[in-house]
Amino acid sequence: MRILRFVPALFVFVFVLLLLVPLNLTQMASLVVWPFSKKLFRAINRGVCATFFGGLNILMEKIAGVEVIFSGDTLPSRENAFVISNHQAMADIPAIIALATRSSRAGDIKWFVKDPIKYVPGIGWGMLFLDCIYVKRNWMADKARVLKTFENLRVHRTPFWLVSFLEGTRITPEKLKRSQAFGAKAGLPLLTHVMLPRTKGFEATMEGLGEHKQAVYDVTIGYEGRPPGIGQLLLGSVPRVHVHARRYAVAELPKDNAGRAAWALARWVEKEARMAHFKTNGKFPAS
């Protein structure tokens, strides 16, 4: 009977595989139209993205029965946005997909992802077609490629939700201690539920996207208990995920880098208070 324990995991694997294979083949076929119509190429891959992420959301919410509890602002369905979030686990990814699906924007999600991911069969290869931004965490090494992607988004007027986990990595006790030590030396606030944001990336993204963005969405994700792995979430081992979103119009944000850095830090101080409220009450505040 032990083998029965692996049936749900096998189902998830087959479900994802059946999604990925035809979609990757569609992406490969879309290369044929690239020399003639980059607009059509991007439209095809937007459809691929919407289908895959939409499928994952169906798997999580409808099949696995995970309840996603949204709070905060209602996000519009037609708006280019820079999405910033705390990062506790890989399960944060389907949580953000659920938020995007709610606003009919699953096909427009683009991620900052670690460079080695592009070598992962299926998902990594597929993201190469979606204007996702692969980074090595070395700005001098990443700068030219990142700025080129920003330029492509602007020039081709590509719709997007560009997602960045501003802390740069998933939170762990060891990483939190390092973040706190850095903050203490720099005279920054002490955070215990989130890590300090890496504001250089925020500044560069705000500058690089130029006027081709209308808002910044500040997302906070919370789990009841220990943050799960992505497999646990898709298997329904987690009953609920909490996603809080705040929308800020770009016109309201500072235009200089120092002001942007201070603005991002202020959001993380708010996020700290929001997470503290969540830990105490089991839910985020309504606003």
C-alpha atoms as a PDB file:
ATOM      1  CA  MET A   1       0.000   0.000   0.000  1.00  0.00           C
ATOM      2  CA  ARG A   2       2.962   2.322   0.308  1.00  0.00           C
ATOM      3  CA  ILE A   3       2.883   2.871  -3.421  1.00  0.00           C
ATOM      4  CA  LEU A   4      -0.483   4.614  -3.028  1.00  0.00           C
ATOM      5  CA  ARG A   5       1.249   7.489  -1.254  1.00  0.00           C
ATOM      6  CA  PHE A   6       3.029   8.321  -4.500  1.00  0.00           C
ATOM      7  CA  VAL A   7      -0.136   8.428  -6.608  1.00  0.00           C
ATOM      8  CA  PRO A   8      -0.891  12.144  -5.960  1.00  0.00           C
ATOM      9  CA  ALA A   9       2.706  13.129  -6.750  1.00  0.00           C
ATOM     10  CA  LEU A  10       2.606  11.020  -9.911  1.00  0.00           C
ATOM     11  CA  PHE A  11      -0.633  12.720 -10.932  1.00  0.00           C
ATOM     12  CA  VAL A  12       0.924  16.176 -10.505  1.00  0.00           C
ATOM     13  CA  PHE A  13       4.002  15.113 -12.485  1.00  0.00           C
ATOM     14  CA  VAL A  14       1.897  13.749 -15.355  1.00  0.00           C
ATOM     15  CA  PHE A  15      -0.391  16.807 -15.281  1.00  0.00           C
ATOM     16  CA  VAL A  16       2.542  19.227 -15.554  1.00  0.00           C
ATOM     17  CA  LEU A  17       4.265  17.084 -18.188  1.00  0.00           C
ATOM     18  CA  LEU A  18       1.141  16.947 -20.335  1.00  0.00           C
ATOM     19  CA  LEU A  19       0.980  20.726 -20.137  1.00  0.00           C
ATOM     20  CA  LEU A  20       4.653  21.344 -20.820  1.00  0.00           C
ATOM     21  CA  VAL A  21       5.357  19.062 -23.776  1.00  0.00           C
ATOM     22  CA  PRO A  22       2.814  20.452 -26.265  1.00  0.00           C
ATOM     23  CA  LEU A  23       3.419  23.999 -25.061  1.00  0.00           C
ATOM     24  CA  ASN A  24       7.194  23.711 -25.501  1.00  0.00           C
ATOM     25  CA  LEU A  25       6.602  22.307 -28.987  1.00  0.00           C
ATOM     26  CA  THR A  26       4.337  25.266 -29.746  1.00  0.00           C
ATOM     27  CA  GLN A  27       7.079  27.610 -28.585  1.00  0.00           C
ATOM     28  CA  MET A  28       9.612  25.930 -30.837  1.00  0.00           C
ATOM     29  CA  ALA A  29       7.210  26.221 -33.765  1.00  0.00           C
ATOM     30  CA  SER A  30       6.719  29.927 -33.012  1.00  0.00           C
ATOM     31  CA  LEU A  31      10.339  30.531 -34.018  1.00  0.00           C
ATOM     32  CA  VAL A  32       9.175  30.188 -37.624  1.00  0.00           C
ATOM     33  CA  VAL A  33       7.235  33.456 -37.404  1.00  0.00           C
ATOM     34  CA  TRP A  34       9.941  35.378 -35.484  1.00  0.00           C
ATOM     35  CA  PRO A  35      11.682  36.799 -38.615  1.00  0.00           C
ATOM     36  CA  PHE A  36       8.367  37.981 -40.065  1.00  0.00           C
ATOM     37  CA  SER A  37       6.298  39.141 -37.101  1.00  0.00           C
ATOM     38  CA  LYS A  38       7.691  39.586 -33.639  1.00  0.00           C
ATOM     39  CA  LYS A  39       4.237  40.730 -32.543  1.00  0.00           C
ATOM     40  CA  LEU A  40       2.727  37.389 -33.575  1.00  0.00           C
ATOM     41  CA  PHE A  41       5.643  35.526 -31.965  1.00  0.00           C
ATOM     42  CA  ARG A  42       4.985  37.261 -28.666  1.00  0.00           C
ATOM     43  CA  ALA A  43       1.222  36.731 -28.958  1.00  0.00           C
ATOM     44  CA  ILE A  44       1.739  32.984 -29.422  1.00  0.00           C
ATOM     45  CA  ASN A  45       4.027  32.781 -26.422  1.00  0.00           C
ATOM     46  CA  ARG A  46       1.679  34.904 -24.344  1.00  0.00           C
ATOM     47  CA  GLY A  47      -0.966  32.275 -25.046  1.00  0.00           C
ATOM     48  CA  VAL A  48       1.472  29.535 -24.062  1.00  0.00           C
ATOM     49  CA  CYS A  49       2.245  31.332 -20.804  1.00  0.00           C
ATOM     50  CA  ALA A  50      -1.437  31.875 -20.006  1.00  0.00           C
ATOM     51  CA  THR A  51      -2.202  28.214 -20.692  1.00  0.00           C
ATOM     52  CA  PHE A  52       0.624  26.857 -18.535  1.00  0.00           C
ATOM     53  CA  PHE A  53       0.187  29.186 -15.580  1.00  0.00           C
ATOM     54  CA  GLY A  54      -3.583  28.893 -15.860  1.00  0.00           C
ATOM     55  CA  GLY A  55      -3.218  25.115 -15.772  1.00  0.00           C
ATOM     56  CA  LEU A  56      -1.073  25.289 -12.647  1.00  0.00           C
ATOM     57  CA  ASN A  57      -3.672  27.504 -11.013  1.00  0.00           C
ATOM     58  CA  ILE A  58      -6.444  25.044 -11.866  1.00  0.00           C
ATOM     59  CA  LEU A  59      -4.322  22.248 -10.407  1.00  0.00           C
ATOM     60  CA  MET A  60      -3.758  24.190  -7.184  1.00  0.00           C
ATOM     61  CA  GLU A  61      -7.177  25.733  -6.579  1.00  0.00           C
ATOM     62  CA  LYS A  62      -9.661  23.443  -8.332  1.00  0.00           C
ATOM     63  CA  ILE A  63      -8.065  19.998  -8.193  1.00  0.00           C
ATOM     64  CA  ALA A  64      -5.908  20.178  -5.052  1.00  0.00           C
ATOM     65  CA  GLY A  65      -8.479  22.403  -3.345  1.00  0.00           C
ATOM     66  CA  VAL A  66      -6.080  25.016  -1.974  1.00  0.00           C
ATOM     67  CA  GLU A  67      -7.949  28.141  -0.883  1.00  0.00           C
ATOM     68  CA  VAL A  68      -6.218  31.382  -1.854  1.00  0.00           C
ATOM     69  CA  ILE A  69      -7.334  34.218   0.405  1.00  0.00           C
ATOM     70  CA  PHE A  70      -6.812  37.621  -1.202  1.00  0.00           C
ATOM     71  CA  SER A  71      -6.761  40.928   0.656  1.00  0.00           C
ATOM     72  CA  GLY A  72      -5.755  44.510  -0.001  1.00  0.00           C
ATOM     73  CA  ASP A  73      -6.356  46.325  -3.275  1.00  0.00           C
ATOM     74  CA  THR A  74      -8.249  44.994  -6.280  1.00  0.00           C
ATOM     75  CA  LEU A  75      -5.791  45.064  -9.183  1.00  0.00           C
ATOM     76  CA  PRO A  76      -6.848  46.197 -12.668  1.00  0.00           C
ATOM     77  CA  SER A  77      -6.790  43.814 -15.624  1.00  0.00           C
ATOM     78  CA  ARG A  78      -5.082  46.176 -18.092  1.00  0.00           C
ATOM     79  CA  GLU A  79      -1.960  47.684 -16.613  1.00  0.00           C
ATOM     80  CA  ASN A  80       1.779  47.112 -16.862  1.00  0.00           C
ATOM     81  CA  ALA A  81       3.125  46.562 -13.376  1.00  0.00           C
ATOM     82  CA  PHE A  82       6.331  45.868 -11.497  1.00  0.00           C
ATOM     83  CA  VAL A  83       5.397  43.282  -8.857  1.00  0.00           C
ATOM     84  CA  ILE A  84       7.553  43.096  -5.726  1.00  0.00           C
ATOM     85  CA  SER A  85       7.106  40.427  -3.068  1.00  0.00           C
ATOM     86  CA  ASN A  86       8.557  38.810   0.013  1.00  0.00           C
ATOM     87  CA  HIS A  87       9.992  35.324  -0.573  1.00  0.00           C
ATOM     88  CA  GLN A  88       9.583  32.412   1.828  1.00  0.00           C
ATOM     89  CA  ALA A  89       9.327  29.356  -0.426  1.00  0.00           C
ATOM     90  CA  MET A  90       8.990  28.173  -4.026  1.00  0.00           C
ATOM     91  CA  ALA A  91       5.267  28.004  -3.279  1.00  0.00           C
ATOM     92  CA  ASP A  92       5.312  31.811  -3.597  1.00  0.00           C
ATOM     93  CA  ILE A  93       5.361  31.301  -7.377  1.00  0.00           C
ATOM     94  CA  PRO A  94       1.914  29.668  -7.727  1.00  0.00           C
ATOM     95  CA  ALA A  95       0.613  32.143  -5.128  1.00  0.00           C
ATOM     96  CA  ILE A  96       1.565  35.028  -7.424  1.00  0.00           C
ATOM     97  CA  ILE A  97       0.189  33.124 -10.418  1.00  0.00           C
ATOM     98  CA  ALA A  98      -3.133  32.906  -8.552  1.00  0.00           C
ATOM     99  CA  LEU A  99      -3.089  36.676  -8.036  1.00  0.00           C
ATOM    100  CA  ALA A 100      -2.325  37.277 -11.716  1.00  0.00           C
ATOM    101  CA  THR A 101      -5.038  34.833 -12.792  1.00  0.00           C
ATOM    102  CA  ARG A 102      -7.535  36.744 -10.688  1.00  0.00           C
ATOM    103  CA  SER A 103      -6.697  39.860 -12.732  1.00  0.00           C
ATOM    104  CA  SER A 104      -6.628  37.948 -16.068  1.00  0.00           C
ATOM    105  CA  ARG A 105      -2.871  38.556 -16.392  1.00  0.00           C
ATOM    106  CA  ALA A 106      -1.387  35.045 -16.141  1.00  0.00           C
ATOM    107  CA  GLY A 107      -0.119  35.274 -19.726  1.00  0.00           C
ATOM    108  CA  ASP A 108       1.797  38.466 -18.985  1.00  0.00           C
ATOM    109  CA  ILE A 109       3.886  37.253 -16.026  1.00  0.00           C
ATOM    110  CA  LYS A 110       7.628  37.679 -16.429  1.00  0.00           C
ATOM    111  CA  TRP A 111      10.118  36.734 -13.756  1.00  0.00           C
ATOM    112  CA  PHE A 112      13.562  37.630 -12.549  1.00  0.00           C
ATOM    113  CA  VAL A 113      15.056  34.140 -12.280  1.00  0.00           C
ATOM    114  CA  LYS A 114      18.430  32.650 -11.420  1.00  0.00           C
ATOM    115  CA  ASP A 115      20.556  32.089 -14.515  1.00  0.00           C
ATOM    116  CA  PRO A 116      20.922  28.271 -14.124  1.00  0.00           C
ATOM    117  CA  ILE A 117      17.129  27.891 -14.433  1.00  0.00           C
ATOM    118  CA  LYS A 118      17.354  28.450 -18.191  1.00  0.00           C
ATOM    119  CA  TYR A 119      19.021  25.053 -18.516  1.00  0.00           C
ATOM    120  CA  VAL A 120      16.137  23.210 -16.839  1.00  0.00           C
ATOM    121  CA  PRO A 121      14.233  21.179 -19.469  1.00  0.00           C
ATOM    122  CA  GLY A 122      10.684  22.296 -20.074  1.00  0.00           C
ATOM    123  CA  ILE A 123      10.143  25.194 -17.691  1.00  0.00           C
ATOM    124  CA  GLY A 124      13.583  26.787 -18.047  1.00  0.00           C
ATOM    125  CA  TRP A 125      13.636  26.473 -21.814  1.00  0.00           C
ATOM    126  CA  GLY A 126      10.097  27.795 -22.071  1.00  0.00           C
ATOM    127  CA  MET A 127      10.866  30.907 -20.054  1.00  0.00           C
ATOM    128  CA  LEU A 128      13.489  31.892 -22.627  1.00  0.00           C
ATOM    129  CA  PHE A 129      10.599  32.670 -24.992  1.00  0.00           C
ATOM    130  CA  LEU A 130       8.778  34.875 -22.500  1.00  0.00           C
ATOM    131  CA  ASP A 131      11.209  37.778 -21.973  1.00  0.00           C
ATOM    132  CA  CYS A 132      12.013  36.552 -18.478  1.00  0.00           C
ATOM    133  CA  ILE A 133      15.184  38.030 -17.025  1.00  0.00           C
ATOM    134  CA  TYR A 134      17.967  35.621 -16.055  1.00  0.00           C
ATOM    135  CA  VAL A 135      20.356  37.035 -13.474  1.00  0.00           C
ATOM    136  CA  LYS A 136      23.637  35.914 -11.924  1.00  0.00           C
ATOM    137  CA  ARG A 137      23.372  38.321  -8.953  1.00  0.00           C
ATOM    138  CA  ASN A 138      26.313  40.281 -10.298  1.00  0.00           C
ATOM    139  CA  TRP A 139      25.074  43.594 -11.652  1.00  0.00           C
ATOM    140  CA  MET A 140      28.081  44.156 -13.894  1.00  0.00           C
ATOM    141  CA  ALA A 141      27.568  40.714 -15.450  1.00  0.00           C
ATOM    142  CA  ASP A 142      23.794  41.126 -15.689  1.00  0.00           C
ATOM    143  CA  LYS A 143      23.512  44.791 -16.645  1.00  0.00           C
ATOM    144  CA  ALA A 144      23.685  44.607 -20.451  1.00  0.00           C
ATOM    145  CA  ARG A 145      21.291  41.654 -20.704  1.00  0.00           C
ATOM    146  CA  VAL A 146      18.813  43.097 -18.211  1.00  0.00           C
ATOM    147  CA  LEU A 147      18.754  46.517 -19.863  1.00  0.00           C
ATOM    148  CA  LYS A 148      18.267  44.866 -23.266  1.00  0.00           C
ATOM    149  CA  THR A 149      15.214  43.020 -21.965  1.00  0.00           C
ATOM    150  CA  PHE A 150      13.792  46.258 -20.564  1.00  0.00           C
ATOM    151  CA  GLU A 151      14.371  47.871 -23.967  1.00  0.00           C
ATOM    152  CA  ASN A 152      12.555  45.023 -25.731  1.00  0.00           C
ATOM    153  CA  LEU A 153       9.569  45.392 -23.424  1.00  0.00           C
ATOM    154  CA  ARG A 154       9.439  49.130 -24.132  1.00  0.00           C
ATOM    155  CA  VAL A 155      10.042  49.022 -27.888  1.00  0.00           C
ATOM    156  CA  HIS A 156       7.560  46.230 -28.587  1.00  0.00           C
ATOM    157  CA  ARG A 157       5.028  47.621 -26.089  1.00  0.00           C
ATOM    158  CA  THR A 158       4.825  44.199 -24.479  1.00  0.00           C
ATOM    159  CA  PRO A 159       2.204  43.825 -21.727  1.00  0.00           C
ATOM    160  CA  PHE A 160       3.756  42.600 -18.494  1.00  0.00           C
ATOM    161  CA  TRP A 161       3.627  41.813 -14.833  1.00  0.00           C
ATOM    162  CA  LEU A 162       7.336  41.768 -14.044  1.00  0.00           C
ATOM    163  CA  VAL A 163       7.855  39.890 -10.771  1.00  0.00           C
ATOM    164  CA  SER A 164      10.825  40.386  -8.469  1.00  0.00           C
ATOM    165  CA  PHE A 165      11.449  38.903  -5.033  1.00  0.00           C
ATOM    166  CA  LEU A 166      13.337  41.961  -3.806  1.00  0.00           C
ATOM    167  CA  GLU A 167      15.008  40.143  -0.933  1.00  0.00           C
ATOM    168  CA  GLY A 168      16.973  38.260  -3.601  1.00  0.00           C
ATOM    169  CA  THR A 169      16.545  34.825  -2.043  1.00  0.00           C
ATOM    170  CA  ARG A 170      14.201  32.759   0.119  1.00  0.00           C
ATOM    171  CA  ILE A 171      14.262  33.642   3.796  1.00  0.00           C
ATOM    172  CA  THR A 172      15.957  31.212   6.203  1.00  0.00           C
ATOM    173  CA  PRO A 173      17.105  31.765   9.806  1.00  0.00           C
ATOM    174  CA  GLU A 174      20.724  32.046   8.665  1.00  0.00           C
ATOM    175  CA  LYS A 175      19.970  34.461   5.833  1.00  0.00           C
ATOM    176  CA  LEU A 176      17.775  36.547   8.122  1.00  0.00           C
ATOM    177  CA  LYS A 177      20.646  36.887  10.613  1.00  0.00           C
ATOM    178  CA  ARG A 178      22.968  38.048   7.821  1.00  0.00           C
ATOM    179  CA  SER A 179      20.382  40.551   6.637  1.00  0.00           C
ATOM    180  CA  GLN A 180      19.912  41.862  10.179  1.00  0.00           C
ATOM    181  CA  ALA A 181      23.676  42.181  10.679  1.00  0.00           C
ATOM    182  CA  PHE A 182      23.977  44.139   7.439  1.00  0.00           C
ATOM    183  CA  GLY A 183      21.071  46.357   8.458  1.00  0.00           C
ATOM    184  CA  ALA A 184      22.565  47.026  11.892  1.00  0.00           C
ATOM    185  CA  LYS A 185      25.823  48.222  10.326  1.00  0.00           C
ATOM    186  CA  ALA A 186      23.933  50.434   7.898  1.00  0.00           C
ATOM    187  CA  GLY A 187      21.607  51.846  10.545  1.00  0.00           C
ATOM    188  CA  LEU A 188      18.524  50.292   8.952  1.00  0.00           C
ATOM    189  CA  PRO A 189      15.394  49.048  10.754  1.00  0.00           C
ATOM    190  CA  LEU A 190      15.505  45.640  12.434  1.00  0.00           C
ATOM    191  CA  LEU A 191      13.232  43.223  10.560  1.00  0.00           C
ATOM    192  CA  THR A 192      12.322  39.808  11.960  1.00  0.00           C
ATOM    193  CA  HIS A 193       9.661  38.454   9.563  1.00  0.00           C
ATOM    194  CA  VAL A 194      11.184  39.603   6.270  1.00  0.00           C
ATOM    195  CA  MET A 195      14.682  40.410   5.041  1.00  0.00           C
ATOM    196  CA  LEU A 196      15.888  43.780   3.831  1.00  0.00           C
ATOM    197  CA  PRO A 197      15.082  44.441   0.162  1.00  0.00           C
ATOM    198  CA  ARG A 198      17.900  44.767  -2.359  1.00  0.00           C
ATOM    199  CA  THR A 199      17.110  48.251  -3.528  1.00  0.00           C
ATOM    200  CA  LYS A 200      19.668  48.457  -6.353  1.00  0.00           C
ATOM    201  CA  GLY A 201      17.591  46.041  -8.416  1.00  0.00           C
ATOM    202  CA  PHE A 202      14.451  48.010  -7.656  1.00  0.00           C
ATOM    203  CA  GLU A 203      16.094  51.255  -8.738  1.00  0.00           C
ATOM    204  CA  ALA A 204      17.435  49.741 -11.984  1.00  0.00           C
ATOM    205  CA  THR A 205      14.084  48.199 -12.878  1.00  0.00           C
ATOM    206  CA  MET A 206      12.123  51.371 -12.230  1.00  0.00           C
ATOM    207  CA  GLU A 207      14.574  53.305 -14.390  1.00  0.00           C
ATOM    208  CA  GLY A 208      14.844  50.663 -17.116  1.00  0.00           C
ATOM    209  CA  LEU A 209      11.126  50.171 -17.669  1.00  0.00           C
ATOM    210  CA  GLY A 210      10.716  53.903 -18.164  1.00  0.00           C
ATOM    211  CA  GLU A 211       7.189  55.042 -18.942  1.00  0.00           C
ATOM    212  CA  HIS A 212       6.141  51.541 -20.036  1.00  0.00           C
ATOM    213  CA  LYS A 213       4.725  50.807 -16.590  1.00  0.00           C
ATOM    214  CA  GLN A 214       1.792  52.238 -14.724  1.00  0.00           C
ATOM    215  CA  ALA A 215       2.073  50.792 -11.236  1.00  0.00           C
ATOM    216  CA  VAL A 216       4.052  48.918  -8.627  1.00  0.00           C
ATOM    217  CA  TYR A 217       2.250  46.102  -6.814  1.00  0.00           C
ATOM    218  CA  ASP A 218       3.545  45.333  -3.337  1.00  0.00           C
ATOM    219  CA  VAL A 219       2.625  41.704  -2.616  1.00  0.00           C
ATOM    220  CA  THR A 220       2.917  39.940   0.734  1.00  0.00           C
ATOM    221  CA  ILE A 221       2.455  36.168   0.943  1.00  0.00           C
ATOM    222  CA  GLY A 222       1.667  34.296   4.152  1.00  0.00           C
ATOM    223  CA  TYR A 223       1.313  30.620   5.074  1.00  0.00           C
ATOM    224  CA  GLU A 224      -0.368  29.092   8.099  1.00  0.00           C
ATOM    225  CA  GLY A 225       2.542  27.203   9.594  1.00  0.00           C
ATOM    226  CA  ARG A 226       5.801  26.324   7.911  1.00  0.00           C
ATOM    227  CA  PRO A 227       6.171  27.660   4.338  1.00  0.00           C
ATOM    228  CA  PRO A 228       5.539  24.717   1.978  1.00  0.00           C
ATOM    229  CA  GLY A 229       7.423  23.499  -1.051  1.00  0.00           C
ATOM    230  CA  ILE A 230       5.837  23.982  -4.445  1.00  0.00           C
ATOM    231  CA  GLY A 231       5.035  20.271  -4.646  1.00  0.00           C
ATOM    232  CA  GLN A 232       3.237  20.351  -1.293  1.00  0.00           C
ATOM    233  CA  LEU A 233       1.141  23.266  -2.493  1.00  0.00           C
ATOM    234  CA  LEU A 234       0.180  21.637  -5.800  1.00  0.00           C
ATOM    235  CA  LEU A 235      -0.626  18.392  -3.962  1.00  0.00           C
ATOM    236  CA  GLY A 236      -3.044  20.195  -1.671  1.00  0.00           C
ATOM    237  CA  SER A 237      -1.041  19.527   1.497  1.00  0.00           C
ATOM    238  CA  VAL A 238      -1.569  23.190   2.391  1.00  0.00           C
ATOM    239  CA  PRO A 239      -5.218  24.178   2.963  1.00  0.00           C
ATOM    240  CA  ARG A 240      -4.817  27.924   2.481  1.00  0.00           C
ATOM    241  CA  VAL A 241      -2.478  30.574   1.118  1.00  0.00           C
ATOM    242  CA  HIS A 242      -2.853  34.256   1.968  1.00  0.00           C
ATOM    243  CA  VAL A 243      -1.955  36.903  -0.630  1.00  0.00           C
ATOM    244  CA  HIS A 244      -2.092  40.615   0.176  1.00  0.00           C
ATOM    245  CA  ALA A 245      -1.579  43.241  -2.543  1.00  0.00           C
ATOM    246  CA  ARG A 246      -1.179  47.004  -2.498  1.00  0.00           C
ATOM    247  CA  ARG A 247      -1.196  49.058  -5.692  1.00  0.00           C
ATOM    248  CA  TYR A 248       0.929  52.197  -6.071  1.00  0.00           C
ATOM    249  CA  ALA A 249       0.668  54.380  -9.170  1.00  0.00           C
ATOM    250  CA  VAL A 250       4.087  55.089 -10.670  1.00  0.00           C
ATOM    251  CA  ALA A 251       3.234  58.789 -10.789  1.00  0.00           C
ATOM    252  CA  GLU A 252       3.198  58.796  -6.967  1.00  0.00           C
ATOM    253  CA  LEU A 253       6.669  57.274  -6.596  1.00  0.00           C
ATOM    254  CA  PRO A 254       9.984  59.163  -6.279  1.00  0.00           C
ATOM    255  CA  LYS A 255      11.890  59.708  -9.516  1.00  0.00           C
ATOM    256  CA  ASP A 256      15.432  59.634  -8.106  1.00  0.00           C
ATOM    257  CA  ASN A 257      17.310  56.523  -7.006  1.00  0.00           C
ATOM    258  CA  ALA A 258      17.746  57.605  -3.395  1.00  0.00           C
ATOM    259  CA  GLY A 259      14.029  58.260  -3.134  1.00  0.00           C
ATOM    260  CA  ARG A 260      13.195  54.938  -4.774  1.00  0.00           C
ATOM    261  CA  ALA A 261      15.468  53.055  -2.378  1.00  0.00           C
ATOM    262  CA  ALA A 262      13.838  54.757   0.604  1.00  0.00           C
ATOM    263  CA  TRP A 263      10.390  54.002  -0.819  1.00  0.00           C
ATOM    264  CA  ALA A 264      11.180  50.290  -1.230  1.00  0.00           C
ATOM    265  CA  LEU A 265      12.572  50.102   2.309  1.00  0.00           C
ATOM    266  CA  ALA A 266       9.424  51.777   3.652  1.00  0.00           C
ATOM    267  CA  ARG A 267       7.298  49.124   1.944  1.00  0.00           C
ATOM    268  CA  TRP A 268       9.348  46.399   3.642  1.00  0.00           C
ATOM    269  CA  VAL A 269       8.909  48.037   7.035  1.00  0.00           C
ATOM    270  CA  GLU A 270       5.159  47.951   6.360  1.00  0.00           C
ATOM    271  CA  LYS A 271       5.505  44.356   5.208  1.00  0.00           C
ATOM    272  CA  GLU A 272       7.202  43.501   8.513  1.00  0.00           C
ATOM    273  CA  ALA A 273       4.197  44.878  10.407  1.00  0.00           C
ATOM    274  CA  ARG A 274       1.819  43.067   8.053  1.00  0.00           C
ATOM    275  CA  MET A 275       3.590  39.747   8.606  1.00  0.00           C
ATOM    276  CA  ALA A 276       3.594  40.309  12.380  1.00  0.00           C
ATOM    277  CA  HIS A 277      -0.172  40.852  12.212  1.00  0.00           C
ATOM    278  CA  PHE A 278      -0.513  37.674  10.159  1.00  0.00           C
ATOM    279  CA  LYS A 279       1.518  35.599  12.625  1.00  0.00           C
ATOM    280  CA  THR A 280      -0.685  36.803  15.480  1.00  0.00           C
ATOM    281  CA  ASN A 281      -4.106  36.754  13.808  1.00  0.00           C
ATOM    282  CA  GLY A 282      -3.796  34.145  11.055  1.00  0.00           C
ATOM    283  CA  LYS A 283      -4.744  36.657   8.386  1.00  0.00           C
ATOM    284  CA  PHE A 284      -3.551  39.901   6.850  1.00  0.00           C
ATOM    285  CA  PRO A 285      -5.199  43.231   7.687  1.00  0.00           C
ATOM    286  CA  ALA A 286      -7.883  44.166   5.175  1.00  0.00           C
ATOM    287  CA  SER A 287      -5.995  47.196   3.846  1.00  0.00           C
END
